[in-house]
Amino acid sequence: MLTPLVVAVTVVAGALTVLGIASTLARRRIGLVHLAGAGVLEALLVVQAVVAAVAMAGGDTPADTASFLGYLVGALLIPVAGVLWARTERSRWAGTVIAVAAAAIGVMVWRLLQLWEATGA
């Protein structure tokens, strides 16, 4: 796990959270900017998953591998589920769905880093 990558994911997730809340407060539906932000977030999460997979294949594994993999897979699925849900939500609350998904990712990546560094891997 790379700390700069975790910081990058957190920044993108934070920006997407603010954007989602702003669109909800403005009573607007989500737009292309929201989808692009979610796409960038997902791309960073895929990079993070590849980095973790390569490190684990190289012998560096966290002590609680099952929890780590659960968080990793969950983090990959949450933005996709959030976008799908937000796209079907035809009201202004779609922005809130995106914001909650992004905020959850912001927390999950730090938990992933914590699980990874617990073993000194």
PDB file of N, CA and C in Angstrom:
ATOM      1  N   MET A   1       0.845  -1.180   0.000  1.00  0.00           N
ATOM      2  CA  MET A   1       0.000   0.000   0.000  1.00  0.00           C
ATOM      3  C   MET A   1       0.892   1.246   0.000  1.00  0.00           C
ATOM      4  N   LEU A   2       0.522   2.157  -0.822  1.00  0.00           N
ATOM      5  CA  LEU A   2       1.278   3.398  -0.941  1.00  0.00           C
ATOM      6  C   LEU A   2       0.490   4.539  -0.315  1.00  0.00           C
ATOM      7  N   THR A   3       1.098   5.219   0.641  1.00  0.00           N
ATOM      8  CA  THR A   3       0.418   6.323   1.317  1.00  0.00           C
ATOM      9  C   THR A   3       0.040   7.449   0.352  1.00  0.00           C
ATOM     10  N   PRO A   4       0.890   7.835  -0.609  1.00  0.00           N
ATOM     11  CA  PRO A   4       0.470   8.888  -1.549  1.00  0.00           C
ATOM     12  C   PRO A   4      -0.777   8.495  -2.356  1.00  0.00           C
ATOM     13  N   LEU A   5      -0.900   7.221  -2.670  1.00  0.00           N
ATOM     14  CA  LEU A   5      -2.083   6.758  -3.394  1.00  0.00           C
ATOM     15  C   LEU A   5      -3.327   6.851  -2.511  1.00  0.00           C
ATOM     16  N   VAL A   6      -3.179   6.522  -1.233  1.00  0.00           N
ATOM     17  CA  VAL A   6      -4.288   6.646  -0.287  1.00  0.00           C
ATOM     18  C   VAL A   6      -4.704   8.107  -0.152  1.00  0.00           C
ATOM     19  N   VAL A   7      -3.737   9.000  -0.103  1.00  0.00           N
ATOM     20  CA  VAL A   7      -4.037  10.430  -0.020  1.00  0.00           C
ATOM     21  C   VAL A   7      -4.757  10.893  -1.287  1.00  0.00           C
ATOM     22  N   ALA A   8      -4.310  10.434  -2.448  1.00  0.00           N
ATOM     23  CA  ALA A   8      -4.958  10.808  -3.709  1.00  0.00           C
ATOM     24  C   ALA A   8      -6.405  10.325  -3.745  1.00  0.00           C
ATOM     25  N   VAL A   9      -6.640   9.094  -3.309  1.00  0.00           N
ATOM     26  CA  VAL A   9      -8.004   8.559  -3.258  1.00  0.00           C
ATOM     27  C   VAL A   9      -8.851   9.391  -2.304  1.00  0.00           C
ATOM     28  N   THR A  10      -8.272   9.763  -1.170  1.00  0.00           N
ATOM     29  CA  THR A  10      -9.011  10.551  -0.179  1.00  0.00           C
ATOM     30  C   THR A  10      -9.375  11.930  -0.728  1.00  0.00           C
ATOM     31  N   VAL A  11      -8.469  12.554  -1.443  1.00  0.00           N
ATOM     32  CA  VAL A  11      -8.736  13.879  -2.022  1.00  0.00           C
ATOM     33  C   VAL A  11      -9.863  13.790  -3.047  1.00  0.00           C
ATOM     34  N   VAL A  12      -9.795  12.810  -3.924  1.00  0.00           N
ATOM     35  CA  VAL A  12     -10.842  12.645  -4.944  1.00  0.00           C
ATOM     36  C   VAL A  12     -12.176  12.310  -4.279  1.00  0.00           C
ATOM     37  N   ALA A  13     -12.143  11.418  -3.279  1.00  0.00           N
ATOM     38  CA  ALA A  13     -13.374  11.059  -2.572  1.00  0.00           C
ATOM     39  C   ALA A  13     -13.958  12.270  -1.846  1.00  0.00           C
ATOM     40  N   GLY A  14     -13.107  13.082  -1.248  1.00  0.00           N
ATOM     41  CA  GLY A  14     -13.578  14.290  -0.564  1.00  0.00           C
ATOM     42  C   GLY A  14     -14.204  15.281  -1.533  1.00  0.00           C
ATOM     43  N   ALA A  15     -13.568  15.465  -2.672  1.00  0.00           N
ATOM     44  CA  ALA A  15     -14.114  16.383  -3.683  1.00  0.00           C
ATOM     45  C   ALA A  15     -15.459  15.879  -4.205  1.00  0.00           C
ATOM     46  N   LEU A  16     -15.556  14.576  -4.418  1.00  0.00           N
ATOM     47  CA  LEU A  16     -16.812  13.998  -4.896  1.00  0.00           C
ATOM     48  C   LEU A  16     -17.905  14.089  -3.835  1.00  0.00           C
ATOM     49  N   THR A  17     -17.528  13.965  -2.579  1.00  0.00           N
ATOM     50  CA  THR A  17     -18.492  14.124  -1.490  1.00  0.00           C
ATOM     51  C   THR A  17     -19.041  15.543  -1.468  1.00  0.00           C
ATOM     52  N   VAL A  18     -18.161  16.515  -1.559  1.00  0.00           N
ATOM     53  CA  VAL A  18     -18.587  17.920  -1.565  1.00  0.00           C
ATOM     54  C   VAL A  18     -19.453  18.206  -2.786  1.00  0.00           C
ATOM     55  N   LEU A  19     -19.076  17.677  -3.927  1.00  0.00           N
ATOM     56  CA  LEU A  19     -19.838  17.880  -5.153  1.00  0.00           C
ATOM     57  C   LEU A  19     -21.236  17.273  -5.037  1.00  0.00           C
ATOM     58  N   GLY A  20     -21.317  16.093  -4.461  1.00  0.00           N
ATOM     59  CA  GLY A  20     -22.619  15.452  -4.280  1.00  0.00           C
ATOM     60  C   GLY A  20     -23.514  16.221  -3.329  1.00  0.00           C
ATOM     61  N   ILE A  21     -22.945  16.701  -2.238  1.00  0.00           N
ATOM     62  CA  ILE A  21     -23.724  17.497  -1.280  1.00  0.00           C
ATOM     63  C   ILE A  21     -24.161  18.811  -1.917  1.00  0.00           C
ATOM     64  N   ALA A  22     -23.272  19.426  -2.686  1.00  0.00           N
ATOM     65  CA  ALA A  22     -23.611  20.692  -3.343  1.00  0.00           C
ATOM     66  C   ALA A  22     -24.766  20.511  -4.330  1.00  0.00           C
ATOM     67  N   SER A  23     -24.756  19.419  -5.081  1.00  0.00           N
ATOM     68  CA  SER A  23     -25.846  19.207  -6.034  1.00  0.00           C
ATOM     69  C   SER A  23     -27.162  18.920  -5.313  1.00  0.00           C
ATOM     70  N   THR A  24     -27.083  18.260  -4.168  1.00  0.00           N
ATOM     71  CA  THR A  24     -28.296  18.026  -3.390  1.00  0.00           C
ATOM     72  C   THR A  24     -28.848  19.342  -2.857  1.00  0.00           C
ATOM     73  N   LEU A  25     -27.982  20.175  -2.315  1.00  0.00           N
ATOM     74  CA  LEU A  25     -28.426  21.460  -1.772  1.00  0.00           C
ATOM     75  C   LEU A  25     -28.956  22.384  -2.868  1.00  0.00           C
ATOM     76  N   ALA A  26     -28.404  22.268  -4.067  1.00  0.00           N
ATOM     77  CA  ALA A  26     -28.873  23.073  -5.195  1.00  0.00           C
ATOM     78  C   ALA A  26     -30.111  22.466  -5.852  1.00  0.00           C
ATOM     79  N   ARG A  27     -30.549  21.323  -5.338  1.00  0.00           N
ATOM     80  CA  ARG A  27     -31.719  20.606  -5.869  1.00  0.00           C
ATOM     81  C   ARG A  27     -31.540  20.250  -7.337  1.00  0.00           C
ATOM     82  N   ARG A  28     -30.354  19.770  -7.648  1.00  0.00           N
ATOM     83  CA  ARG A  28     -30.042  19.371  -9.016  1.00  0.00           C
ATOM     84  C   ARG A  28     -29.712  17.883  -9.057  1.00  0.00           C
ATOM     85  N   ARG A  29     -29.934  17.312 -10.210  1.00  0.00           N
ATOM     86  CA  ARG A  29     -29.568  15.917 -10.408  1.00  0.00           C
ATOM     87  C   ARG A  29     -28.065  15.827 -10.654  1.00  0.00           C
ATOM     88  N   ILE A  30     -27.556  14.607 -10.587  1.00  0.00           N
ATOM     89  CA  ILE A  30     -26.127  14.437 -10.868  1.00  0.00           C
ATOM     90  C   ILE A  30     -25.892  14.605 -12.366  1.00  0.00           C
ATOM     91  N   GLY A  31     -24.664  14.962 -12.695  1.00  0.00           N
ATOM     92  CA  GLY A  31     -24.321  15.175 -14.097  1.00  0.00           C
ATOM     93  C   GLY A  31     -23.049  14.459 -14.479  1.00  0.00           C
ATOM     94  N   LEU A  32     -22.508  14.865 -15.576  1.00  0.00           N
ATOM     95  CA  LEU A  32     -21.296  14.256 -16.109  1.00  0.00           C
ATOM     96  C   LEU A  32     -20.104  14.456 -15.177  1.00  0.00           C
ATOM     97  N   VAL A  33     -20.074  15.576 -14.483  1.00  0.00           N
ATOM     98  CA  VAL A  33     -18.971  15.838 -13.550  1.00  0.00           C
ATOM     99  C   VAL A  33     -18.968  14.802 -12.429  1.00  0.00           C
ATOM    100  N   HIS A  34     -20.140  14.470 -11.923  1.00  0.00           N
ATOM    101  CA  HIS A  34     -20.241  13.458 -10.866  1.00  0.00           C
ATOM    102  C   HIS A  34     -19.756  12.094 -11.375  1.00  0.00           C
ATOM    103  N   LEU A  35     -20.189  11.755 -12.570  1.00  0.00           N
ATOM    104  CA  LEU A  35     -19.803  10.464 -13.143  1.00  0.00           C
ATOM    105  C   LEU A  35     -18.307  10.411 -13.436  1.00  0.00           C
ATOM    106  N   ALA A  36     -17.759  11.508 -13.919  1.00  0.00           N
ATOM    107  CA  ALA A  36     -16.314  11.560 -14.173  1.00  0.00           C
ATOM    108  C   ALA A  36     -15.533  11.442 -12.867  1.00  0.00           C
ATOM    109  N   GLY A  37     -16.003  12.118 -11.823  1.00  0.00           N
ATOM    110  CA  GLY A  37     -15.350  12.008 -10.515  1.00  0.00           C
ATOM    111  C   GLY A  37     -15.392  10.599  -9.977  1.00  0.00           C
ATOM    112  N   ALA A  38     -16.534   9.945 -10.139  1.00  0.00           N
ATOM    113  CA  ALA A  38     -16.651   8.552  -9.696  1.00  0.00           C
ATOM    114  C   ALA A  38     -15.747   7.644 -10.530  1.00  0.00           C
ATOM    115  N   GLY A  39     -15.601   7.960 -11.806  1.00  0.00           N
ATOM    116  CA  GLY A  39     -14.704   7.184 -12.662  1.00  0.00           C
ATOM    117  C   GLY A  39     -13.247   7.329 -12.255  1.00  0.00           C
ATOM    118  N   VAL A  40     -12.846   8.547 -11.934  1.00  0.00           N
ATOM    119  CA  VAL A  40     -11.470   8.783 -11.465  1.00  0.00           C
ATOM    120  C   VAL A  40     -11.248   8.062 -10.144  1.00  0.00           C
ATOM    121  N   LEU A  41     -12.232   8.130  -9.263  1.00  0.00           N
ATOM    122  CA  LEU A  41     -12.129   7.443  -7.978  1.00  0.00           C
ATOM    123  C   LEU A  41     -11.985   5.937  -8.184  1.00  0.00           C
ATOM    124  N   GLU A  42     -12.796   5.377  -9.053  1.00  0.00           N
ATOM    125  CA  GLU A  42     -12.725   3.938  -9.326  1.00  0.00           C
ATOM    126  C   GLU A  42     -11.381   3.562  -9.949  1.00  0.00           C
ATOM    127  N   ALA A  43     -10.867   4.384 -10.844  1.00  0.00           N
ATOM    128  CA  ALA A  43      -9.571   4.107 -11.464  1.00  0.00           C
ATOM    129  C   ALA A  43      -8.460   4.087 -10.416  1.00  0.00           C
ATOM    130  N   LEU A  44      -8.490   5.041  -9.495  1.00  0.00           N
ATOM    131  CA  LEU A  44      -7.492   5.048  -8.417  1.00  0.00           C
ATOM    132  C   LEU A  44      -7.620   3.822  -7.524  1.00  0.00           C
ATOM    133  N   LEU A  45      -8.851   3.395  -7.276  1.00  0.00           N
ATOM    134  CA  LEU A  45      -9.050   2.196  -6.458  1.00  0.00           C
ATOM    135  C   LEU A  45      -8.559   0.937  -7.165  1.00  0.00           C
ATOM    136  N   VAL A  46      -8.715   0.884  -8.477  1.00  0.00           N
ATOM    137  CA  VAL A  46      -8.200  -0.258  -9.241  1.00  0.00           C
ATOM    138  C   VAL A  46      -6.674  -0.272  -9.176  1.00  0.00           C
ATOM    139  N   VAL A  47      -6.053   0.894  -9.306  1.00  0.00           N
ATOM    140  CA  VAL A  47      -4.590   0.978  -9.182  1.00  0.00           C
ATOM    141  C   VAL A  47      -4.169   0.499  -7.798  1.00  0.00           C
ATOM    142  N   GLN A  48      -4.892   0.928  -6.780  1.00  0.00           N
ATOM    143  CA  GLN A  48      -4.580   0.514  -5.413  1.00  0.00           C
ATOM    144  C   GLN A  48      -4.716  -1.009  -5.259  1.00  0.00           C
ATOM    145  N   ALA A  49      -5.739  -1.585  -5.852  1.00  0.00           N
ATOM    146  CA  ALA A  49      -5.937  -3.035  -5.772  1.00  0.00           C
ATOM    147  C   ALA A  49      -4.810  -3.782  -6.482  1.00  0.00           C
ATOM    148  N   VAL A  50      -4.364  -3.258  -7.621  1.00  0.00           N
ATOM    149  CA  VAL A  50      -3.262  -3.895  -8.352  1.00  0.00           C
ATOM    150  C   VAL A  50      -1.977  -3.811  -7.541  1.00  0.00           C
ATOM    151  N   VAL A  51      -1.712  -2.650  -6.945  1.00  0.00           N
ATOM    152  CA  VAL A  51      -0.515  -2.500  -6.109  1.00  0.00           C
ATOM    153  C   VAL A  51      -0.558  -3.482  -4.942  1.00  0.00           C
ATOM    154  N   ALA A  52      -1.709  -3.613  -4.315  1.00  0.00           N
ATOM    155  CA  ALA A  52      -1.841  -4.544  -3.192  1.00  0.00           C
ATOM    156  C   ALA A  52      -1.681  -5.985  -3.654  1.00  0.00           C
ATOM    157  N   ALA A  53      -2.257  -6.317  -4.805  1.00  0.00           N
ATOM    158  CA  ALA A  53      -2.141  -7.688  -5.320  1.00  0.00           C
ATOM    159  C   ALA A  53      -0.692  -8.033  -5.654  1.00  0.00           C
ATOM    160  N   VAL A  54       0.018  -7.097  -6.250  1.00  0.00           N
ATOM    161  CA  VAL A  54       1.429  -7.339  -6.577  1.00  0.00           C
ATOM    162  C   VAL A  54       2.247  -7.509  -5.307  1.00  0.00           C
ATOM    163  N   ALA A  55       1.985  -6.678  -4.318  1.00  0.00           N
ATOM    164  CA  ALA A  55       2.717  -6.789  -3.052  1.00  0.00           C
ATOM    165  C   ALA A  55       2.405  -8.108  -2.353  1.00  0.00           C
ATOM    166  N   MET A  56       1.133  -8.511  -2.400  1.00  0.00           N
ATOM    167  CA  MET A  56       0.761  -9.775  -1.765  1.00  0.00           C
ATOM    168  C   MET A  56       1.346 -10.968  -2.517  1.00  0.00           C
ATOM    169  N   ALA A  57       1.426 -10.877  -3.826  1.00  0.00           N
ATOM    170  CA  ALA A  57       2.045 -11.943  -4.610  1.00  0.00           C
ATOM    171  C   ALA A  57       3.536 -12.019  -4.326  1.00  0.00           C
ATOM    172  N   GLY A  58       4.125 -10.884  -3.944  1.00  0.00           N
ATOM    173  CA  GLY A  58       5.543 -10.843  -3.607  1.00  0.00           C
ATOM    174  C   GLY A  58       5.845 -11.311  -2.195  1.00  0.00           C
ATOM    175  N   GLY A  59       4.822 -11.668  -1.436  1.00  0.00           N
ATOM    176  CA  GLY A  59       5.051 -12.202  -0.102  1.00  0.00           C
ATOM    177  C   GLY A  59       4.668 -11.273   1.035  1.00  0.00           C
ATOM    178  N   ASP A  60       4.368 -10.019   0.749  1.00  0.00           N
ATOM    179  CA  ASP A  60       3.947  -9.089   1.794  1.00  0.00           C
ATOM    180  C   ASP A  60       2.438  -9.211   1.977  1.00  0.00           C
ATOM    181  N   THR A  61       2.030  -9.811   3.076  1.00  0.00           N
ATOM    182  CA  THR A  61       0.601  -9.946   3.341  1.00  0.00           C
ATOM    183  C   THR A  61       0.282  -9.402   4.721  1.00  0.00           C
ATOM    184  N   PRO A  62      -0.872  -8.779   4.863  1.00  0.00           N
ATOM    185  CA  PRO A  62      -1.277  -8.313   6.192  1.00  0.00           C
ATOM    186  C   PRO A  62      -1.644  -9.491   7.078  1.00  0.00           C
ATOM    187  N   ALA A  63      -1.567  -9.282   8.377  1.00  0.00           N
ATOM    188  CA  ALA A  63      -1.885 -10.361   9.314  1.00  0.00           C
ATOM    189  C   ALA A  63      -3.337 -10.802   9.163  1.00  0.00           C
ATOM    190  N   ASP A  64      -4.226  -9.854   9.004  1.00  0.00           N
ATOM    191  CA  ASP A  64      -5.640 -10.160   8.840  1.00  0.00           C
ATOM    192  C   ASP A  64      -5.995 -10.027   7.360  1.00  0.00           C
ATOM    193  N   THR A  65      -5.546 -11.008   6.592  1.00  0.00           N
ATOM    194  CA  THR A  65      -5.713 -10.958   5.146  1.00  0.00           C
ATOM    195  C   THR A  65      -7.177 -10.954   4.739  1.00  0.00           C
ATOM    196  N   ALA A  66      -8.014 -11.707   5.439  1.00  0.00           N
ATOM    197  CA  ALA A  66      -9.428 -11.775   5.080  1.00  0.00           C
ATOM    198  C   ALA A  66     -10.099 -10.406   5.220  1.00  0.00           C
ATOM    199  N   SER A  67      -9.833  -9.711   6.296  1.00  0.00           N
ATOM    200  CA  SER A  67     -10.413  -8.373   6.477  1.00  0.00           C
ATOM    201  C   SER A  67      -9.879  -7.408   5.428  1.00  0.00           C
ATOM    202  N   PHE A  68      -8.591  -7.494   5.157  1.00  0.00           N
ATOM    203  CA  PHE A  68      -7.992  -6.622   4.156  1.00  0.00           C
ATOM    204  C   PHE A  68      -8.642  -6.839   2.795  1.00  0.00           C
ATOM    205  N   LEU A  69      -8.783  -8.095   2.391  1.00  0.00           N
ATOM    206  CA  LEU A  69      -9.389  -8.386   1.093  1.00  0.00           C
ATOM    207  C   LEU A  69     -10.859  -7.982   1.056  1.00  0.00           C
ATOM    208  N   GLY A  70     -11.553  -8.131   2.174  1.00  0.00           N
ATOM    209  CA  GLY A  70     -12.943  -7.703   2.251  1.00  0.00           C
ATOM    210  C   GLY A  70     -13.084  -6.204   2.048  1.00  0.00           C
ATOM    211  N   TYR A  71     -12.223  -5.437   2.716  1.00  0.00           N
ATOM    212  CA  TYR A  71     -12.226  -3.985   2.530  1.00  0.00           C
ATOM    213  C   TYR A  71     -11.837  -3.617   1.104  1.00  0.00           C
ATOM    214  N   LEU A  72     -10.867  -4.314   0.550  1.00  0.00           N
ATOM    215  CA  LEU A  72     -10.392  -4.002  -0.794  1.00  0.00           C
ATOM    216  C   LEU A  72     -11.485  -4.240  -1.839  1.00  0.00           C
ATOM    217  N   VAL A  73     -12.142  -5.384  -1.754  1.00  0.00           N
ATOM    218  CA  VAL A  73     -13.218  -5.694  -2.701  1.00  0.00           C
ATOM    219  C   VAL A  73     -14.401  -4.753  -2.483  1.00  0.00           C
ATOM    220  N   GLY A  74     -14.730  -4.499  -1.224  1.00  0.00           N
ATOM    221  CA  GLY A  74     -15.820  -3.571  -0.925  1.00  0.00           C
ATOM    222  C   GLY A  74     -15.552  -2.181  -1.459  1.00  0.00           C
ATOM    223  N   ALA A  75     -14.309  -1.738  -1.317  1.00  0.00           N
ATOM    224  CA  ALA A  75     -13.942  -0.410  -1.820  1.00  0.00           C
ATOM    225  C   ALA A  75     -14.057  -0.342  -3.338  1.00  0.00           C
ATOM    226  N   LEU A  76     -13.789  -1.433  -4.015  1.00  0.00           N
ATOM    227  CA  LEU A  76     -13.931  -1.453  -5.470  1.00  0.00           C
ATOM    228  C   LEU A  76     -15.401  -1.431  -5.896  1.00  0.00           C
ATOM    229  N   LEU A  77     -16.277  -2.006  -5.099  1.00  0.00           N
ATOM    230  CA  LEU A  77     -17.683  -2.121  -5.475  1.00  0.00           C
ATOM    231  C   LEU A  77     -18.531  -0.906  -5.090  1.00  0.00           C
ATOM    232  N   ILE A  78     -18.177  -0.210  -4.028  1.00  0.00           N
ATOM    233  CA  ILE A  78     -19.019   0.888  -3.532  1.00  0.00           C
ATOM    234  C   ILE A  78     -19.202   2.020  -4.550  1.00  0.00           C
ATOM    235  N   PRO A  79     -18.159   2.519  -5.213  1.00  0.00           N
ATOM    236  CA  PRO A  79     -18.410   3.585  -6.195  1.00  0.00           C
ATOM    237  C   PRO A  79     -19.305   3.132  -7.348  1.00  0.00           C
ATOM    238  N   VAL A  80     -19.129   1.910  -7.792  1.00  0.00           N
ATOM    239  CA  VAL A  80     -19.971   1.388  -8.872  1.00  0.00           C
ATOM    240  C   VAL A  80     -21.426   1.308  -8.419  1.00  0.00           C
ATOM    241  N   ALA A  81     -21.643   0.751  -7.232  1.00  0.00           N
ATOM    242  CA  ALA A  81     -23.004   0.654  -6.700  1.00  0.00           C
ATOM    243  C   ALA A  81     -23.601   2.039  -6.472  1.00  0.00           C
ATOM    244  N   GLY A  82     -22.798   2.968  -5.983  1.00  0.00           N
ATOM    245  CA  GLY A  82     -23.281   4.329  -5.766  1.00  0.00           C
ATOM    246  C   GLY A  82     -23.707   5.005  -7.053  1.00  0.00           C
ATOM    247  N   VAL A  83     -22.928   4.843  -8.099  1.00  0.00           N
ATOM    248  CA  VAL A  83     -23.277   5.447  -9.388  1.00  0.00           C
ATOM    249  C   VAL A  83     -24.536   4.808  -9.957  1.00  0.00           C
ATOM    250  N   LEU A  84     -24.620   3.485  -9.891  1.00  0.00           N
ATOM    251  CA  LEU A  84     -25.815   2.816 -10.404  1.00  0.00           C
ATOM    252  C   LEU A  84     -27.063   3.250  -9.647  1.00  0.00           C
ATOM    253  N   TRP A  85     -26.957   3.339  -8.348  1.00  0.00           N
ATOM    254  CA  TRP A  85     -28.090   3.774  -7.543  1.00  0.00           C
ATOM    255  C   TRP A  85     -28.439   5.230  -7.851  1.00  0.00           C
ATOM    256  N   ALA A  86     -27.433   6.080  -7.942  1.00  0.00           N
ATOM    257  CA  ALA A  86     -27.662   7.500  -8.212  1.00  0.00           C
ATOM    258  C   ALA A  86     -28.286   7.704  -9.592  1.00  0.00           C
ATOM    259  N   ARG A  87     -27.891   6.899 -10.553  1.00  0.00           N
ATOM    260  CA  ARG A  87     -28.459   7.030 -11.905  1.00  0.00           C
ATOM    261  C   ARG A  87     -29.925   6.630 -11.943  1.00  0.00           C
ATOM    262  N   THR A  88     -30.352   5.723 -11.081  1.00  0.00           N
ATOM    263  CA  THR A  88     -31.758   5.326 -11.047  1.00  0.00           C
ATOM    264  C   THR A  88     -32.592   6.255 -10.174  1.00  0.00           C
ATOM    265  N   GLU A  89     -31.937   7.034  -9.335  1.00  0.00           N
ATOM    266  CA  GLU A  89     -32.631   7.994  -8.466  1.00  0.00           C
ATOM    267  C   GLU A  89     -32.886   9.260  -9.281  1.00  0.00           C
ATOM    268  N   ARG A  90     -34.128   9.520  -9.607  1.00  0.00           N
ATOM    269  CA  ARG A  90     -34.458  10.626 -10.496  1.00  0.00           C
ATOM    270  C   ARG A  90     -34.717  11.932  -9.748  1.00  0.00           C
ATOM    271  N   SER A  91     -34.444  11.967  -8.468  1.00  0.00           N
ATOM    272  CA  SER A  91     -34.662  13.194  -7.703  1.00  0.00           C
ATOM    273  C   SER A  91     -33.323  13.847  -7.379  1.00  0.00           C
ATOM    274  N   ARG A  92     -33.381  14.886  -6.598  1.00  0.00           N
ATOM    275  CA  ARG A  92     -32.161  15.594  -6.224  1.00  0.00           C
ATOM    276  C   ARG A  92     -31.303  14.790  -5.262  1.00  0.00           C
ATOM    277  N   TRP A  93     -31.824  13.709  -4.695  1.00  0.00           N
ATOM    278  CA  TRP A  93     -31.096  12.929  -3.696  1.00  0.00           C
ATOM    279  C   TRP A  93     -30.011  12.042  -4.303  1.00  0.00           C
ATOM    280  N   ALA A  94     -29.915  12.011  -5.602  1.00  0.00           N
ATOM    281  CA  ALA A  94     -28.849  11.241  -6.247  1.00  0.00           C
ATOM    282  C   ALA A  94     -27.470  11.767  -5.833  1.00  0.00           C
ATOM    283  N   GLY A  95     -27.362  13.066  -5.648  1.00  0.00           N
ATOM    284  CA  GLY A  95     -26.100  13.642  -5.189  1.00  0.00           C
ATOM    285  C   GLY A  95     -25.720  13.149  -3.809  1.00  0.00           C
ATOM    286  N   THR A  96     -26.707  12.961  -2.961  1.00  0.00           N
ATOM    287  CA  THR A  96     -26.438  12.444  -1.622  1.00  0.00           C
ATOM    288  C   THR A  96     -25.946  11.002  -1.684  1.00  0.00           C
ATOM    289  N   VAL A  97     -26.515  10.226  -2.589  1.00  0.00           N
ATOM    290  CA  VAL A  97     -26.058   8.838  -2.761  1.00  0.00           C
ATOM    291  C   VAL A  97     -24.591   8.820  -3.163  1.00  0.00           C
ATOM    292  N   ILE A  98     -24.223   9.656  -4.119  1.00  0.00           N
ATOM    293  CA  ILE A  98     -22.819   9.746  -4.547  1.00  0.00           C
ATOM    294  C   ILE A  98     -21.940  10.217  -3.391  1.00  0.00           C
ATOM    295  N   ALA A  99     -22.420  11.198  -2.636  1.00  0.00           N
ATOM    296  CA  ALA A  99     -21.635  11.746  -1.522  1.00  0.00           C
ATOM    297  C   ALA A  99     -21.385  10.686  -0.451  1.00  0.00           C
ATOM    298  N   VAL A 100     -22.394   9.916  -0.121  1.00  0.00           N
ATOM    299  CA  VAL A 100     -22.232   8.875   0.904  1.00  0.00           C
ATOM    300  C   VAL A 100     -21.269   7.794   0.422  1.00  0.00           C
ATOM    301  N   ALA A 101     -21.396   7.399  -0.835  1.00  0.00           N
ATOM    302  CA  ALA A 101     -20.478   6.388  -1.382  1.00  0.00           C
ATOM    303  C   ALA A 101     -19.037   6.900  -1.355  1.00  0.00           C
ATOM    304  N   ALA A 102     -18.827   8.128  -1.754  1.00  0.00           N
ATOM    305  CA  ALA A 102     -17.476   8.692  -1.770  1.00  0.00           C
ATOM    306  C   ALA A 102     -16.921   8.849  -0.360  1.00  0.00           C
ATOM    307  N   ALA A 103     -17.758   9.277   0.574  1.00  0.00           N
ATOM    308  CA  ALA A 103     -17.302   9.418   1.961  1.00  0.00           C
ATOM    309  C   ALA A 103     -16.915   8.067   2.543  1.00  0.00           C
ATOM    310  N   ALA A 104     -17.677   7.042   2.212  1.00  0.00           N
ATOM    311  CA  ALA A 104     -17.351   5.695   2.695  1.00  0.00           C
ATOM    312  C   ALA A 104     -15.988   5.246   2.163  1.00  0.00           C
ATOM    313  N   ILE A 105     -15.707   5.557   0.919  1.00  0.00           N
ATOM    314  CA  ILE A 105     -14.408   5.195   0.335  1.00  0.00           C
ATOM    315  C   ILE A 105     -13.280   5.952   1.024  1.00  0.00           C
ATOM    316  N   GLY A 106     -13.523   7.223   1.330  1.00  0.00           N
ATOM    317  CA  GLY A 106     -12.508   8.007   2.029  1.00  0.00           C
ATOM    318  C   GLY A 106     -12.095   7.395   3.353  1.00  0.00           C
ATOM    319  N   VAL A 107     -13.042   6.775   4.027  1.00  0.00           N
ATOM    320  CA  VAL A 107     -12.747   6.107   5.298  1.00  0.00           C
ATOM    321  C   VAL A 107     -12.124   4.732   5.055  1.00  0.00           C
ATOM    322  N   MET A 108     -12.663   4.015   4.094  1.00  0.00           N
ATOM    323  CA  MET A 108     -12.201   2.644   3.860  1.00  0.00           C
ATOM    324  C   MET A 108     -10.736   2.551   3.433  1.00  0.00           C
ATOM    325  N   VAL A 109     -10.273   3.515   2.642  1.00  0.00           N
ATOM    326  CA  VAL A 109      -8.874   3.424   2.193  1.00  0.00           C
ATOM    327  C   VAL A 109      -7.901   3.625   3.353  1.00  0.00           C
ATOM    328  N   TRP A 110      -8.290   4.453   4.319  1.00  0.00           N
ATOM    329  CA  TRP A 110      -7.424   4.620   5.493  1.00  0.00           C
ATOM    330  C   TRP A 110      -7.447   3.378   6.361  1.00  0.00           C
ATOM    331  N   ARG A 111      -8.581   2.708   6.420  1.00  0.00           N
ATOM    332  CA  ARG A 111      -8.646   1.443   7.157  1.00  0.00           C
ATOM    333  C   ARG A 111      -7.800   0.386   6.447  1.00  0.00           C
ATOM    334  N   LEU A 112      -7.820   0.380   5.121  1.00  0.00           N
ATOM    335  CA  LEU A 112      -6.958  -0.536   4.370  1.00  0.00           C
ATOM    336  C   LEU A 112      -5.489  -0.290   4.689  1.00  0.00           C
ATOM    337  N   LEU A 113      -5.099   0.975   4.715  1.00  0.00           N
ATOM    338  CA  LEU A 113      -3.714   1.311   5.038  1.00  0.00           C
ATOM    339  C   LEU A 113      -3.373   0.866   6.454  1.00  0.00           C
ATOM    340  N   GLN A 114      -4.306   1.069   7.371  1.00  0.00           N
ATOM    341  CA  GLN A 114      -4.090   0.660   8.759  1.00  0.00           C
ATOM    342  C   GLN A 114      -3.921  -0.856   8.858  1.00  0.00           C
ATOM    343  N   LEU A 115      -4.760  -1.604   8.162  1.00  0.00           N
ATOM    344  CA  LEU A 115      -4.627  -3.066   8.167  1.00  0.00           C
ATOM    345  C   LEU A 115      -3.318  -3.506   7.548  1.00  0.00           C
ATOM    346  N   TRP A 116      -2.895  -2.826   6.484  1.00  0.00           N
ATOM    347  CA  TRP A 116      -1.655  -3.192   5.809  1.00  0.00           C
ATOM    348  C   TRP A 116      -0.432  -2.911   6.678  1.00  0.00           C
ATOM    349  N   GLU A 117      -0.420  -1.759   7.315  1.00  0.00           N
ATOM    350  CA  GLU A 117       0.746  -1.379   8.100  1.00  0.00           C
ATOM    351  C   GLU A 117       0.803  -2.017   9.474  1.00  0.00           C
ATOM    352  N   ALA A 118      -0.238  -2.696   9.894  1.00  0.00           N
ATOM    353  CA  ALA A 118      -0.256  -3.342  11.197  1.00  0.00           C
ATOM    354  C   ALA A 118       0.809  -4.428  11.297  1.00  0.00           C
ATOM    355  N   THR A 119       1.193  -4.999  10.170  1.00  0.00           N
ATOM    356  CA  THR A 119       2.201  -6.062  10.174  1.00  0.00           C
ATOM    357  C   THR A 119       3.579  -5.551   9.793  1.00  0.00           C
ATOM    358  N   GLY A 120       3.659  -4.296   9.367  1.00  0.00           N
ATOM    359  CA  GLY A 120       4.927  -3.769   8.920  1.00  0.00           C
ATOM    360  C   GLY A 120       5.242  -4.196   7.499  1.00  0.00           C
ATOM    361  N   ALA A 121       4.210  -4.629   6.762  1.00  0.00           N
ATOM    362  CA  ALA A 121       4.402  -5.099   5.398  1.00  0.00           C
ATOM    363  C   ALA A 121       4.756  -3.980   4.464  1.00  0.00           C
TER     364      ALA A 121
END
